[in-house]
Amino acid sequence: MDLNPVRVNIATSPESSDFTSAQDRIIDLKSAEEVSTPEAQDNRIEDGQRAGWLAPIPLEPKRQAVGAKKTEHRASNKGCLSLGLGD
């Protein structure tokens, strides 16, 4: 579903596809570059303001257990497809 705006030429890339989980994940990933420690980066990626409610995606290289922290704002804590965040 997230790539539908790209497929129908509403957006030119996932980064510009408004109101999609792909865009939310990308924004949180880019915000992680603003902090210096790996722990702070993991926190921004896994529990970011935009994508923190989404099912976790494994981080590479693995630094902490993804989804180990149970939060109330996640849509699912059961995992997801075997994709890395870059995928």
C-alpha atoms as a PDB file:
ATOM      1  CA  MET A   1       0.000   0.000   0.000  1.00  0.00           C
ATOM      2  CA  ASP A   2       2.780   2.462   0.823  1.00  0.00           C
ATOM      3  CA  LEU A   3       4.095   2.532  -2.718  1.00  0.00           C
ATOM      4  CA  ASN A   4       0.713   3.251  -4.286  1.00  0.00           C
ATOM      5  CA  PRO A   5       1.305   7.053  -4.346  1.00  0.00           C
ATOM      6  CA  VAL A   6       4.525   6.409  -6.274  1.00  0.00           C
ATOM      7  CA  ARG A   7       2.906   3.930  -8.652  1.00  0.00           C
ATOM      8  CA  VAL A   8       0.099   6.316  -9.563  1.00  0.00           C
ATOM      9  CA  ASN A   9       2.472   9.299  -9.914  1.00  0.00           C
ATOM     10  CA  ILE A  10       1.099  11.254  -6.954  1.00  0.00           C
ATOM     11  CA  ALA A  11       4.598  11.137  -5.450  1.00  0.00           C
ATOM     12  CA  THR A  12       7.976  10.721  -7.101  1.00  0.00           C
ATOM     13  CA  SER A  13       9.589   8.709  -4.281  1.00  0.00           C
ATOM     14  CA  PRO A  14       8.720   7.069  -0.941  1.00  0.00           C
ATOM     15  CA  GLU A  15      10.272  10.123   0.786  1.00  0.00           C
ATOM     16  CA  SER A  16       7.721  12.399  -0.857  1.00  0.00           C
ATOM     17  CA  SER A  17       4.707  10.073  -0.452  1.00  0.00           C
ATOM     18  CA  ASP A  18       2.691  11.941   2.154  1.00  0.00           C
ATOM     19  CA  PHE A  19       0.686  10.053   4.790  1.00  0.00           C
ATOM     20  CA  THR A  20       2.485   6.718   4.318  1.00  0.00           C
ATOM     21  CA  SER A  21       4.344   4.564   6.824  1.00  0.00           C
ATOM     22  CA  ALA A  22       7.329   4.489   4.459  1.00  0.00           C
ATOM     23  CA  GLN A  23       7.657   8.279   4.712  1.00  0.00           C
ATOM     24  CA  ASP A  24       7.268   8.115   8.505  1.00  0.00           C
ATOM     25  CA  ARG A  25      10.068   5.533   8.791  1.00  0.00           C
ATOM     26  CA  ILE A  26      12.355   7.577   6.513  1.00  0.00           C
ATOM     27  CA  ILE A  27      11.795  10.760   8.553  1.00  0.00           C
ATOM     28  CA  ASP A  28      12.629   8.954  11.810  1.00  0.00           C
ATOM     29  CA  LEU A  29      15.689   7.330  10.224  1.00  0.00           C
ATOM     30  CA  LYS A  30      16.987  10.718   9.072  1.00  0.00           C
ATOM     31  CA  SER A  31      16.335  12.254  12.493  1.00  0.00           C
ATOM     32  CA  ALA A  32      18.557   9.539  14.007  1.00  0.00           C
ATOM     33  CA  GLU A  33      21.504  11.119  12.195  1.00  0.00           C
ATOM     34  CA  GLU A  34      21.123  14.167  14.466  1.00  0.00           C
ATOM     35  CA  VAL A  35      22.189  12.269  17.605  1.00  0.00           C
ATOM     36  CA  SER A  36      25.614  10.817  18.274  1.00  0.00           C
ATOM     37  CA  THR A  37      25.257   7.655  20.358  1.00  0.00           C
ATOM     38  CA  PRO A  38      24.091   4.321  18.899  1.00  0.00           C
ATOM     39  CA  GLU A  39      21.561   3.958  21.727  1.00  0.00           C
ATOM     40  CA  ALA A  40      19.992   7.339  20.961  1.00  0.00           C
ATOM     41  CA  GLN A  41      19.940   6.513  17.252  1.00  0.00           C
ATOM     42  CA  ASP A  42      18.232   3.163  17.921  1.00  0.00           C
ATOM     43  CA  ASN A  43      15.655   4.946  20.062  1.00  0.00           C
ATOM     44  CA  ARG A  44      14.871   7.459  17.321  1.00  0.00           C
ATOM     45  CA  ILE A  45      14.561   4.709  14.722  1.00  0.00           C
ATOM     46  CA  GLU A  46      12.538   2.208  16.759  1.00  0.00           C
ATOM     47  CA  ASP A  47      10.380   4.586  18.787  1.00  0.00           C
ATOM     48  CA  GLY A  48      10.421   7.707  16.649  1.00  0.00           C
ATOM     49  CA  GLN A  49       7.760  10.373  16.738  1.00  0.00           C
ATOM     50  CA  ARG A  50       6.458   9.422  13.301  1.00  0.00           C
ATOM     51  CA  ALA A  51       6.901   5.640  12.964  1.00  0.00           C
ATOM     52  CA  GLY A  52       7.012   4.507  16.586  1.00  0.00           C
ATOM     53  CA  TRP A  53       3.529   2.977  16.326  1.00  0.00           C
ATOM     54  CA  LEU A  54       4.532   0.690  13.442  1.00  0.00           C
ATOM     55  CA  ALA A  55       5.758  -2.893  13.755  1.00  0.00           C
ATOM     56  CA  PRO A  56       9.517  -2.910  14.408  1.00  0.00           C
ATOM     57  CA  ILE A  57      12.040  -3.540  11.645  1.00  0.00           C
ATOM     58  CA  PRO A  58      15.374  -5.152  12.595  1.00  0.00           C
ATOM     59  CA  LEU A  59      18.322  -2.797  12.777  1.00  0.00           C
ATOM     60  CA  GLU A  60      21.583  -3.662  11.036  1.00  0.00           C
ATOM     61  CA  PRO A  61      24.051  -4.098  12.564  1.00  0.00           C
ATOM     62  CA  LYS A  62      22.054  -5.524  15.448  1.00  0.00           C
ATOM     63  CA  ARG A  63      22.633  -3.371  18.529  1.00  0.00           C
ATOM     64  CA  GLN A  64      19.581  -4.082  20.630  1.00  0.00           C
ATOM     65  CA  ALA A  65      16.629  -6.418  20.529  1.00  0.00           C
ATOM     66  CA  VAL A  66      14.062  -4.852  18.231  1.00  0.00           C
ATOM     67  CA  GLY A  67      10.656  -4.764  19.825  1.00  0.00           C
ATOM     68  CA  ALA A  68      12.026  -5.849  23.198  1.00  0.00           C
ATOM     69  CA  LYS A  69      10.531  -2.724  24.716  1.00  0.00           C
ATOM     70  CA  LYS A  70       6.786  -3.101  24.793  1.00  0.00           C
ATOM     71  CA  THR A  71       5.136   0.212  24.158  1.00  0.00           C
ATOM     72  CA  GLU A  72       1.482   1.082  24.115  1.00  0.00           C
ATOM     73  CA  HIS A  73       1.712   3.052  20.887  1.00  0.00           C
ATOM     74  CA  ARG A  74       2.880   0.196  18.607  1.00  0.00           C
ATOM     75  CA  ALA A  75       0.324  -1.202  16.201  1.00  0.00           C
ATOM     76  CA  SER A  76       1.930  -4.634  16.508  1.00  0.00           C
ATOM     77  CA  ASN A  77       4.599  -6.163  18.708  1.00  0.00           C
ATOM     78  CA  LYS A  78       4.509  -9.497  16.895  1.00  0.00           C
ATOM     79  CA  GLY A  79       7.158  -8.632  14.316  1.00  0.00           C
ATOM     80  CA  CYS A  80       6.925  -8.149  10.596  1.00  0.00           C
ATOM     81  CA  LEU A  81       8.293  -9.353   7.286  1.00  0.00           C
ATOM     82  CA  SER A  82      11.960 -10.240   7.204  1.00  0.00           C
ATOM     83  CA  LEU A  83      13.148  -6.912   5.841  1.00  0.00           C
ATOM     84  CA  GLY A  84      15.825  -4.580   7.069  1.00  0.00           C
ATOM     85  CA  LEU A  85      15.107  -0.906   7.573  1.00  0.00           C
ATOM     86  CA  GLY A  86      16.982  -0.032   4.374  1.00  0.00           C
ATOM     87  CA  ASP A  87      14.681  -2.285   2.372  1.00  0.00           C
END
